[in-house]
């Protein structure tokens, strides 16, 4: 059991180090990401109480969420971020 806990701690530390390395790389390239302004799709769905991530991805695909408000970060495993502002479906 202790071996498993240690392996998990090690994996978490490696993950944090990789994330920090990616953020540092972005900063070196002159890109600053404000994680209060830009959130993951999962966080957006939670924050704005949408039914599912599918709703948000459909909004992105259909243009309800403007393309300039969506970013893909290759250095973070191609994670997609969306600007944290409320969007509504066009009726």
PDB file of N, CA and C in Angstrom:
ATOM      1  N   UNK A   1       0.824  -1.197   0.000  1.00  0.00           N
ATOM      2  CA  UNK A   1       0.000   0.000   0.000  1.00  0.00           C
ATOM      3  C   UNK A   1       0.870   1.265   0.000  1.00  0.00           C
ATOM      4  N   UNK A   2       1.941   1.247   0.782  1.00  0.00           N
ATOM      5  CA  UNK A   2       2.848   2.400   0.824  1.00  0.00           C
ATOM      6  C   UNK A   2       3.529   2.618  -0.516  1.00  0.00           C
ATOM      7  N   UNK A   3       3.864   1.510  -1.214  1.00  0.00           N
ATOM      8  CA  UNK A   3       4.468   1.626  -2.549  1.00  0.00           C
ATOM      9  C   UNK A   3       3.520   2.328  -3.507  1.00  0.00           C
ATOM     10  N   UNK A   4       2.248   1.979  -3.446  1.00  0.00           N
ATOM     11  CA  UNK A   4       1.256   2.597  -4.308  1.00  0.00           C
ATOM     12  C   UNK A   4       1.140   4.088  -4.017  1.00  0.00           C
ATOM     13  N   UNK A   5       1.085   4.441  -2.739  1.00  0.00           N
ATOM     14  CA  UNK A   5       1.007   5.859  -2.365  1.00  0.00           C
ATOM     15  C   UNK A   5       2.216   6.623  -2.875  1.00  0.00           C
ATOM     16  N   UNK A   6       3.377   6.036  -2.755  1.00  0.00           N
ATOM     17  CA  UNK A   6       4.603   6.687  -3.217  1.00  0.00           C
ATOM     18  C   UNK A   6       4.605   6.842  -4.732  1.00  0.00           C
ATOM     19  N   UNK A   7       4.122   5.831  -5.444  1.00  0.00           N
ATOM     20  CA  UNK A   7       4.039   5.910  -6.905  1.00  0.00           C
ATOM     21  C   UNK A   7       3.082   7.023  -7.332  1.00  0.00           C
ATOM     22  N   UNK A   8       1.971   7.140  -6.621  1.00  0.00           N
ATOM     23  CA  UNK A   8       1.000   8.195  -6.927  1.00  0.00           C
ATOM     24  C   UNK A   8       1.610   9.565  -6.661  1.00  0.00           C
ATOM     25  N   UNK A   9       2.289   9.721  -5.531  1.00  0.00           N
ATOM     26  CA  UNK A   9       2.956  10.997  -5.221  1.00  0.00           C
ATOM     27  C   UNK A   9       3.970  11.365  -6.300  1.00  0.00           C
ATOM     28  N   UNK A  10       4.735  10.362  -6.725  1.00  0.00           N
ATOM     29  CA  UNK A  10       5.754  10.591  -7.750  1.00  0.00           C
ATOM     30  C   UNK A  10       5.098  11.002  -9.071  1.00  0.00           C
ATOM     31  N   UNK A  11       4.030  10.310  -9.460  1.00  0.00           N
ATOM     32  CA  UNK A  11       3.330  10.628 -10.714  1.00  0.00           C
ATOM     33  C   UNK A  11       2.743  12.034 -10.662  1.00  0.00           C
ATOM     34  N   UNK A  12       2.173  12.422  -9.524  1.00  0.00           N
ATOM     35  CA  UNK A  12       1.620  13.771  -9.377  1.00  0.00           C
ATOM     36  C   UNK A  12       2.712  14.832  -9.472  1.00  0.00           C
ATOM     37  N   UNK A  13       3.838  14.562  -8.842  1.00  0.00           N
ATOM     38  CA  UNK A  13       4.956  15.507  -8.898  1.00  0.00           C
ATOM     39  C   UNK A  13       5.457  15.662 -10.329  1.00  0.00           C
ATOM     40  N   UNK A  14       5.564  14.557 -11.058  1.00  0.00           N
ATOM     41  CA  UNK A  14       6.004  14.612 -12.449  1.00  0.00           C
ATOM     42  C   UNK A  14       5.002  15.377 -13.308  1.00  0.00           C
ATOM     43  N   UNK A  15       3.731  15.163 -13.053  1.00  0.00           N
ATOM     44  CA  UNK A  15       2.680  15.859 -13.799  1.00  0.00           C
ATOM     45  C   UNK A  15       2.746  17.367 -13.551  1.00  0.00           C
ATOM     46  N   UNK A  16       2.886  17.750 -12.289  1.00  0.00           N
ATOM     47  CA  UNK A  16       2.994  19.173 -11.956  1.00  0.00           C
ATOM     48  C   UNK A  16       4.218  19.797 -12.604  1.00  0.00           C
ATOM     49  N   UNK A  17       5.315  19.072 -12.607  1.00  0.00           N
ATOM     50  CA  UNK A  17       6.544  19.576 -13.219  1.00  0.00           C
ATOM     51  C   UNK A  17       6.352  19.760 -14.722  1.00  0.00           C
ATOM     52  N   UNK A  18       5.679  18.822 -15.372  1.00  0.00           N
ATOM     53  CA  UNK A  18       5.432  18.922 -16.814  1.00  0.00           C
ATOM     54  C   UNK A  18       4.516  20.096 -17.122  1.00  0.00           C
ATOM     55  N   UNK A  19       3.490  20.296 -16.303  1.00  0.00           N
ATOM     56  CA  UNK A  19       2.596  21.430 -16.503  1.00  0.00           C
ATOM     57  C   UNK A  19       3.345  22.747 -16.329  1.00  0.00           C
ATOM     58  N   UNK A  20       4.180  22.828 -15.308  1.00  0.00           N
ATOM     59  CA  UNK A  20       4.941  24.048 -15.080  1.00  0.00           C
ATOM     60  C   UNK A  20       5.899  24.312 -16.237  1.00  0.00           C
ATOM     61  N   UNK A  21       6.489  23.254 -16.757  1.00  0.00           N
ATOM     62  CA  UNK A  21       7.400  23.385 -17.895  1.00  0.00           C
ATOM     63  C   UNK A  21       6.649  23.939 -19.115  1.00  0.00           C
ATOM     64  N   UNK A  22       5.438  23.465 -19.338  1.00  0.00           N
ATOM     65  CA  UNK A  22       4.632  23.950 -20.458  1.00  0.00           C
ATOM     66  C   UNK A  22       4.261  25.411 -20.267  1.00  0.00           C
ATOM     67  N   UNK A  23       3.861  25.781 -19.059  1.00  0.00           N
ATOM     68  CA  UNK A  23       3.525  27.178 -18.774  1.00  0.00           C
ATOM     69  C   UNK A  23       4.750  28.066 -18.950  1.00  0.00           C
ATOM     70  N   UNK A  24       5.905  27.608 -18.476  1.00  0.00           N
ATOM     71  CA  UNK A  24       7.144  28.369 -18.651  1.00  0.00           C
ATOM     72  C   UNK A  24       7.463  28.572 -20.125  1.00  0.00           C
ATOM     73  N   UNK A  25       7.244  27.524 -20.936  1.00  0.00           N
ATOM     74  CA  UNK A  25       7.486  27.618 -22.373  1.00  0.00           C
ATOM     75  C   UNK A  25       6.571  28.654 -23.002  1.00  0.00           C
ATOM     76  N   UNK A  26       5.307  28.643 -22.613  1.00  0.00           N
ATOM     77  CA  UNK A  26       4.372  29.639 -23.136  1.00  0.00           C
ATOM     78  C   UNK A  26       4.818  31.046 -22.774  1.00  0.00           C
ATOM     79  N   UNK A  27       5.266  31.219 -21.543  1.00  0.00           N
ATOM     80  CA  UNK A  27       5.729  32.537 -21.106  1.00  0.00           C
ATOM     81  C   UNK A  27       6.959  32.974 -21.897  1.00  0.00           C
ATOM     82  N   UNK A  28       7.862  32.036 -22.193  1.00  0.00           N
ATOM     83  CA  UNK A  28       9.035  32.358 -22.988  1.00  0.00           C
ATOM     84  C   UNK A  28       8.642  32.794 -24.394  1.00  0.00           C
ATOM     85  N   UNK A  29       7.574  32.211 -24.928  1.00  0.00           N
ATOM     86  CA  UNK A  29       7.100  32.590 -26.258  1.00  0.00           C
ATOM     87  C   UNK A  29       6.297  33.886 -26.221  1.00  0.00           C
ATOM     88  N   UNK A  30       6.140  34.448 -25.047  1.00  0.00           N
ATOM     89  CA  UNK A  30       5.418  35.709 -24.928  1.00  0.00           C
ATOM     90  C   UNK A  30       3.922  35.561 -24.776  1.00  0.00           C
ATOM     91  N   UNK A  31       3.450  34.351 -24.549  1.00  0.00           N
ATOM     92  CA  UNK A  31       2.023  34.130 -24.358  1.00  0.00           C
ATOM     93  C   UNK A  31       1.723  34.069 -22.871  1.00  0.00           C
ATOM     94  N   UNK A  32       0.773  34.861 -22.461  1.00  0.00           N
ATOM     95  CA  UNK A  32       0.351  34.853 -21.069  1.00  0.00           C
ATOM     96  C   UNK A  32      -1.106  34.396 -21.049  1.00  0.00           C
ATOM     97  N   UNK A  33      -1.364  33.401 -20.248  1.00  0.00           N
ATOM     98  CA  UNK A  33      -2.724  32.889 -20.132  1.00  0.00           C
ATOM     99  C   UNK A  33      -3.222  33.176 -18.732  1.00  0.00           C
ATOM    100  N   UNK A  34      -4.249  33.979 -18.657  1.00  0.00           N
ATOM    101  CA  UNK A  34      -4.879  34.281 -17.377  1.00  0.00           C
ATOM    102  C   UNK A  34      -5.929  33.198 -17.133  1.00  0.00           C
ATOM    103  N   UNK A  35      -5.653  32.301 -16.179  1.00  0.00           N
ATOM    104  CA  UNK A  35      -6.545  31.174 -15.949  1.00  0.00           C
ATOM    105  C   UNK A  35      -7.819  31.564 -15.214  1.00  0.00           C
ATOM    106  N   UNK A  36      -8.014  32.854 -14.932  1.00  0.00           N
ATOM    107  CA  UNK A  36      -9.317  33.325 -14.476  1.00  0.00           C
ATOM    108  C   UNK A  36     -10.161  33.700 -15.683  1.00  0.00           C
ATOM    109  N   UNK A  37      -9.480  34.155 -16.735  1.00  0.00           N
ATOM    110  CA  UNK A  37     -10.159  34.586 -17.952  1.00  0.00           C
ATOM    111  C   UNK A  37     -10.388  33.426 -18.926  1.00  0.00           C
ATOM    112  N   UNK A  38      -9.456  32.479 -18.958  1.00  0.00           N
ATOM    113  CA  UNK A  38      -9.531  31.325 -19.849  1.00  0.00           C
ATOM    114  C   UNK A  38      -9.664  30.064 -19.007  1.00  0.00           C
ATOM    115  N   UNK A  39     -10.678  29.257 -19.303  1.00  0.00           N
ATOM    116  CA  UNK A  39     -10.947  28.050 -18.508  1.00  0.00           C
ATOM    117  C   UNK A  39     -11.096  26.835 -19.424  1.00  0.00           C
ATOM    118  N   UNK A  40     -10.949  25.666 -18.843  1.00  0.00           N
ATOM    119  CA  UNK A  40     -11.186  24.439 -19.599  1.00  0.00           C
ATOM    120  C   UNK A  40     -12.679  24.324 -19.898  1.00  0.00           C
ATOM    121  N   UNK A  41     -13.000  23.490 -20.851  1.00  0.00           N
ATOM    122  CA  UNK A  41     -14.404  23.289 -21.186  1.00  0.00           C
ATOM    123  C   UNK A  41     -15.176  22.747 -19.985  1.00  0.00           C
ATOM    124  N   UNK A  42     -14.554  21.832 -19.260  1.00  0.00           N
ATOM    125  CA  UNK A  42     -15.202  21.256 -18.072  1.00  0.00           C
ATOM    126  C   UNK A  42     -15.501  22.336 -17.037  1.00  0.00           C
ATOM    127  N   UNK A  43     -14.541  23.229 -16.798  1.00  0.00           N
ATOM    128  CA  UNK A  43     -14.740  24.307 -15.827  1.00  0.00           C
ATOM    129  C   UNK A  43     -15.815  25.273 -16.307  1.00  0.00           C
ATOM    130  N   UNK A  44     -15.841  25.558 -17.619  1.00  0.00           N
ATOM    131  CA  UNK A  44     -16.856  26.455 -18.166  1.00  0.00           C
ATOM    132  C   UNK A  44     -18.248  25.881 -17.934  1.00  0.00           C
ATOM    133  N   UNK A  45     -18.419  24.587 -18.237  1.00  0.00           N
ATOM    134  CA  UNK A  45     -19.716  23.932 -18.054  1.00  0.00           C
ATOM    135  C   UNK A  45     -20.153  24.012 -16.599  1.00  0.00           C
ATOM    136  N   UNK A  46     -19.226  23.781 -15.696  1.00  0.00           N
ATOM    137  CA  UNK A  46     -19.527  23.850 -14.263  1.00  0.00           C
ATOM    138  C   UNK A  46     -19.876  25.282 -13.846  1.00  0.00           C
ATOM    139  N   UNK A  47     -19.054  26.237 -14.276  1.00  0.00           N
ATOM    140  CA  UNK A  47     -19.221  27.629 -13.866  1.00  0.00           C
ATOM    141  C   UNK A  47     -20.542  28.224 -14.353  1.00  0.00           C
ATOM    142  N   UNK A  48     -20.924  27.906 -15.590  1.00  0.00           N
ATOM    143  CA  UNK A  48     -22.120  28.503 -16.176  1.00  0.00           C
ATOM    144  C   UNK A  48     -23.307  27.544 -16.223  1.00  0.00           C
ATOM    145  N   UNK A  49     -23.174  26.431 -15.504  1.00  0.00           N
ATOM    146  CA  UNK A  49     -24.273  25.481 -15.296  1.00  0.00           C
ATOM    147  C   UNK A  49     -24.914  24.996 -16.598  1.00  0.00           C
ATOM    148  N   UNK A  50     -24.067  24.571 -17.536  1.00  0.00           N
ATOM    149  CA  UNK A  50     -24.577  23.961 -18.759  1.00  0.00           C
ATOM    150  C   UNK A  50     -24.856  22.492 -18.497  1.00  0.00           C
ATOM    151  N   UNK A  51     -25.642  21.882 -19.369  1.00  0.00           N
ATOM    152  CA  UNK A  51     -25.992  20.466 -19.182  1.00  0.00           C
ATOM    153  C   UNK A  51     -24.811  19.533 -19.391  1.00  0.00           C
ATOM    154  N   UNK A  52     -23.943  19.867 -20.366  1.00  0.00           N
ATOM    155  CA  UNK A  52     -22.835  18.960 -20.664  1.00  0.00           C
ATOM    156  C   UNK A  52     -21.759  19.685 -21.470  1.00  0.00           C
ATOM    157  N   UNK A  53     -20.614  19.038 -21.562  1.00  0.00           N
ATOM    158  CA  UNK A  53     -19.533  19.560 -22.394  1.00  0.00           C
ATOM    159  C   UNK A  53     -19.959  19.531 -23.858  1.00  0.00           C
ATOM    160  N   UNK A  54     -20.802  18.570 -24.233  1.00  0.00           N
ATOM    161  CA  UNK A  54     -21.285  18.496 -25.616  1.00  0.00           C
ATOM    162  C   UNK A  54     -22.000  19.774 -26.035  1.00  0.00           C
ATOM    163  N   UNK A  55     -22.764  20.359 -25.129  1.00  0.00           N
ATOM    164  CA  UNK A  55     -23.441  21.618 -25.435  1.00  0.00           C
ATOM    165  C   UNK A  55     -22.415  22.676 -25.810  1.00  0.00           C
ATOM    166  N   UNK A  56     -21.369  22.794 -25.010  1.00  0.00           N
ATOM    167  CA  UNK A  56     -20.343  23.798 -25.266  1.00  0.00           C
ATOM    168  C   UNK A  56     -19.582  23.497 -26.555  1.00  0.00           C
ATOM    169  N   UNK A  57     -19.224  22.246 -26.786  1.00  0.00           N
ATOM    170  CA  UNK A  57     -18.501  21.928 -28.026  1.00  0.00           C
ATOM    171  C   UNK A  57     -19.383  22.182 -29.256  1.00  0.00           C
ATOM    172  N   UNK A  58     -20.674  21.962 -29.133  1.00  0.00           N
ATOM    173  CA  UNK A  58     -21.590  22.299 -30.230  1.00  0.00           C
ATOM    174  C   UNK A  58     -21.628  23.805 -30.457  1.00  0.00           C
ATOM    175  N   UNK A  59     -21.654  24.579 -29.379  1.00  0.00           N
ATOM    176  CA  UNK A  59     -21.632  26.041 -29.509  1.00  0.00           C
ATOM    177  C   UNK A  59     -20.353  26.479 -30.228  1.00  0.00           C
ATOM    178  N   UNK A  60     -19.232  25.855 -29.868  1.00  0.00           N
ATOM    179  CA  UNK A  60     -17.957  26.200 -30.500  1.00  0.00           C
ATOM    180  C   UNK A  60     -18.020  25.860 -31.985  1.00  0.00           C
ATOM    181  N   UNK A  61     -18.486  24.674 -32.311  1.00  0.00           N
ATOM    182  CA  UNK A  61     -18.567  24.218 -33.704  1.00  0.00           C
ATOM    183  C   UNK A  61     -19.495  25.106 -34.539  1.00  0.00           C
ATOM    184  N   UNK A  62     -20.616  25.535 -33.949  1.00  0.00           N
ATOM    185  CA  UNK A  62     -21.599  26.339 -34.675  1.00  0.00           C
ATOM    186  C   UNK A  62     -21.294  27.822 -34.667  1.00  0.00           C
ATOM    187  N   UNK A  63     -20.288  28.255 -33.919  1.00  0.00           N
ATOM    188  CA  UNK A  63     -19.909  29.663 -33.917  1.00  0.00           C
ATOM    189  C   UNK A  63     -20.598  30.515 -32.871  1.00  0.00           C
ATOM    190  N   UNK A  64     -21.387  29.889 -31.995  1.00  0.00           N
ATOM    191  CA  UNK A  64     -21.987  30.647 -30.887  1.00  0.00           C
ATOM    192  C   UNK A  64     -20.871  31.220 -30.026  1.00  0.00           C
ATOM    193  N   UNK A  65     -19.839  30.425 -29.805  1.00  0.00           N
ATOM    194  CA  UNK A  65     -18.617  30.886 -29.138  1.00  0.00           C
ATOM    195  C   UNK A  65     -17.674  31.311 -30.268  1.00  0.00           C
ATOM    196  N   UNK A  66     -17.331  32.594 -30.340  1.00  0.00           N
ATOM    197  CA  UNK A  66     -16.470  33.062 -31.437  1.00  0.00           C
ATOM    198  C   UNK A  66     -15.108  32.366 -31.427  1.00  0.00           C
ATOM    199  N   UNK A  67     -14.552  32.124 -32.611  1.00  0.00           N
ATOM    200  CA  UNK A  67     -13.257  31.435 -32.698  1.00  0.00           C
ATOM    201  C   UNK A  67     -12.148  32.118 -31.886  1.00  0.00           C
ATOM    202  N   UNK A  68     -12.184  33.433 -31.787  1.00  0.00           N
ATOM    203  CA  UNK A  68     -11.153  34.130 -31.015  1.00  0.00           C
ATOM    204  C   UNK A  68     -11.280  33.889 -29.511  1.00  0.00           C
ATOM    205  N   UNK A  69     -12.384  33.280 -29.092  1.00  0.00           N
ATOM    206  CA  UNK A  69     -12.585  32.984 -27.671  1.00  0.00           C
ATOM    207  C   UNK A  69     -12.311  31.521 -27.341  1.00  0.00           C
ATOM    208  N   UNK A  70     -11.651  30.828 -28.268  1.00  0.00           N
ATOM    209  CA  UNK A  70     -11.274  29.431 -28.058  1.00  0.00           C
ATOM    210  C   UNK A  70      -9.788  29.313 -28.375  1.00  0.00           C
ATOM    211  N   UNK A  71      -9.052  28.669 -27.477  1.00  0.00           N
ATOM    212  CA  UNK A  71      -7.612  28.456 -27.684  1.00  0.00           C
ATOM    213  C   UNK A  71      -7.284  26.994 -27.448  1.00  0.00           C
ATOM    214  N   UNK A  72      -6.389  26.480 -28.267  1.00  0.00           N
ATOM    215  CA  UNK A  72      -5.850  25.143 -28.069  1.00  0.00           C
ATOM    216  C   UNK A  72      -4.380  25.302 -27.721  1.00  0.00           C
ATOM    217  N   UNK A  73      -3.959  24.694 -26.627  1.00  0.00           N
ATOM    218  CA  UNK A  73      -2.590  24.827 -26.139  1.00  0.00           C
ATOM    219  C   UNK A  73      -1.849  23.512 -26.378  1.00  0.00           C
ATOM    220  N   UNK A  74      -1.045  23.440 -27.455  1.00  0.00           N
ATOM    221  CA  UNK A  74      -0.340  22.192 -27.762  1.00  0.00           C
ATOM    222  C   UNK A  74       0.590  21.736 -26.641  1.00  0.00           C
ATOM    223  N   UNK A  75       1.203  22.690 -25.951  1.00  0.00           N
ATOM    224  CA  UNK A  75       2.148  22.349 -24.884  1.00  0.00           C
ATOM    225  C   UNK A  75       1.476  21.709 -23.679  1.00  0.00           C
ATOM    226  N   UNK A  76       0.171  21.812 -23.603  1.00  0.00           N
ATOM    227  CA  UNK A  76      -0.587  21.190 -22.506  1.00  0.00           C
ATOM    228  C   UNK A  76      -1.496  20.096 -23.059  1.00  0.00           C
ATOM    229  N   UNK A  77      -0.903  19.217 -23.894  1.00  0.00           N
ATOM    230  CA  UNK A  77      -1.635  18.090 -24.488  1.00  0.00           C
ATOM    231  C   UNK A  77      -2.856  18.527 -25.292  1.00  0.00           C
ATOM    232  N   UNK A  78      -2.708  19.626 -26.013  1.00  0.00           N
ATOM    233  CA  UNK A  78      -3.782  20.157 -26.866  1.00  0.00           C
ATOM    234  C   UNK A  78      -5.066  20.461 -26.098  1.00  0.00           C
ATOM    235  N   UNK A  79      -4.910  20.873 -24.866  1.00  0.00           N
ATOM    236  CA  UNK A  79      -6.085  21.233 -24.076  1.00  0.00           C
ATOM    237  C   UNK A  79      -6.759  22.435 -24.723  1.00  0.00           C
ATOM    238  N   UNK A  80      -8.068  22.419 -24.722  1.00  0.00           N
ATOM    239  CA  UNK A  80      -8.823  23.522 -25.290  1.00  0.00           C
ATOM    240  C   UNK A  80      -9.330  24.392 -24.158  1.00  0.00           C
ATOM    241  N   UNK A  81      -9.113  25.696 -24.303  1.00  0.00           N
ATOM    242  CA  UNK A  81      -9.585  26.668 -23.333  1.00  0.00           C
ATOM    243  C   UNK A  81     -10.606  27.573 -24.006  1.00  0.00           C
ATOM    244  N   UNK A  82     -11.533  28.035 -23.222  1.00  0.00           N
ATOM    245  CA  UNK A  82     -12.546  28.958 -23.730  1.00  0.00           C
ATOM    246  C   UNK A  82     -12.564  30.174 -22.813  1.00  0.00           C
ATOM    247  N   UNK A  83     -12.789  31.326 -23.415  1.00  0.00           N
ATOM    248  CA  UNK A  83     -12.851  32.553 -22.619  1.00  0.00           C
ATOM    249  C   UNK A  83     -14.070  32.476 -21.707  1.00  0.00           C
ATOM    250  N   UNK A  84     -13.861  32.789 -20.450  1.00  0.00           N
ATOM    251  CA  UNK A  84     -14.898  32.632 -19.428  1.00  0.00           C
ATOM    252  C   UNK A  84     -15.858  33.822 -19.431  1.00  0.00           C
ATOM    253  N   UNK A  85     -16.671  33.877 -20.458  1.00  0.00           N
ATOM    254  CA  UNK A  85     -17.757  34.867 -20.536  1.00  0.00           C
ATOM    255  C   UNK A  85     -19.033  34.104 -20.888  1.00  0.00           C
ATOM    256  N   UNK A  86     -20.182  34.591 -20.461  1.00  0.00           N
ATOM    257  CA  UNK A  86     -21.410  33.833 -20.756  1.00  0.00           C
ATOM    258  C   UNK A  86     -21.778  33.900 -22.246  1.00  0.00           C
ATOM    259  N   UNK A  87     -22.124  32.756 -22.799  1.00  0.00           N
ATOM    260  CA  UNK A  87     -22.603  32.662 -24.183  1.00  0.00           C
ATOM    261  C   UNK A  87     -24.026  32.101 -24.126  1.00  0.00           C
ATOM    262  N   UNK A  88     -24.797  32.459 -25.077  1.00  0.00           N
ATOM    263  CA  UNK A  88     -26.162  31.925 -25.164  1.00  0.00           C
ATOM    264  C   UNK A  88     -26.383  31.440 -26.578  1.00  0.00           C
ATOM    265  N   UNK A  89     -27.183  30.408 -26.696  1.00  0.00           N
ATOM    266  CA  UNK A  89     -27.524  29.938 -28.024  1.00  0.00           C
ATOM    267  C   UNK A  89     -28.318  31.012 -28.747  1.00  0.00           C
ATOM    268  N   UNK A  90     -28.052  31.121 -30.028  1.00  0.00           N
ATOM    269  CA  UNK A  90     -28.811  32.055 -30.863  1.00  0.00           C
ATOM    270  C   UNK A  90     -30.132  31.389 -31.199  1.00  0.00           C
ATOM    271  N   UNK A  91     -31.218  32.080 -30.920  1.00  0.00           N
ATOM    272  CA  UNK A  91     -32.547  31.487 -31.151  1.00  0.00           C
ATOM    273  C   UNK A  91     -32.910  31.484 -32.609  1.00  0.00           C
TER     274      UNK A  91
END
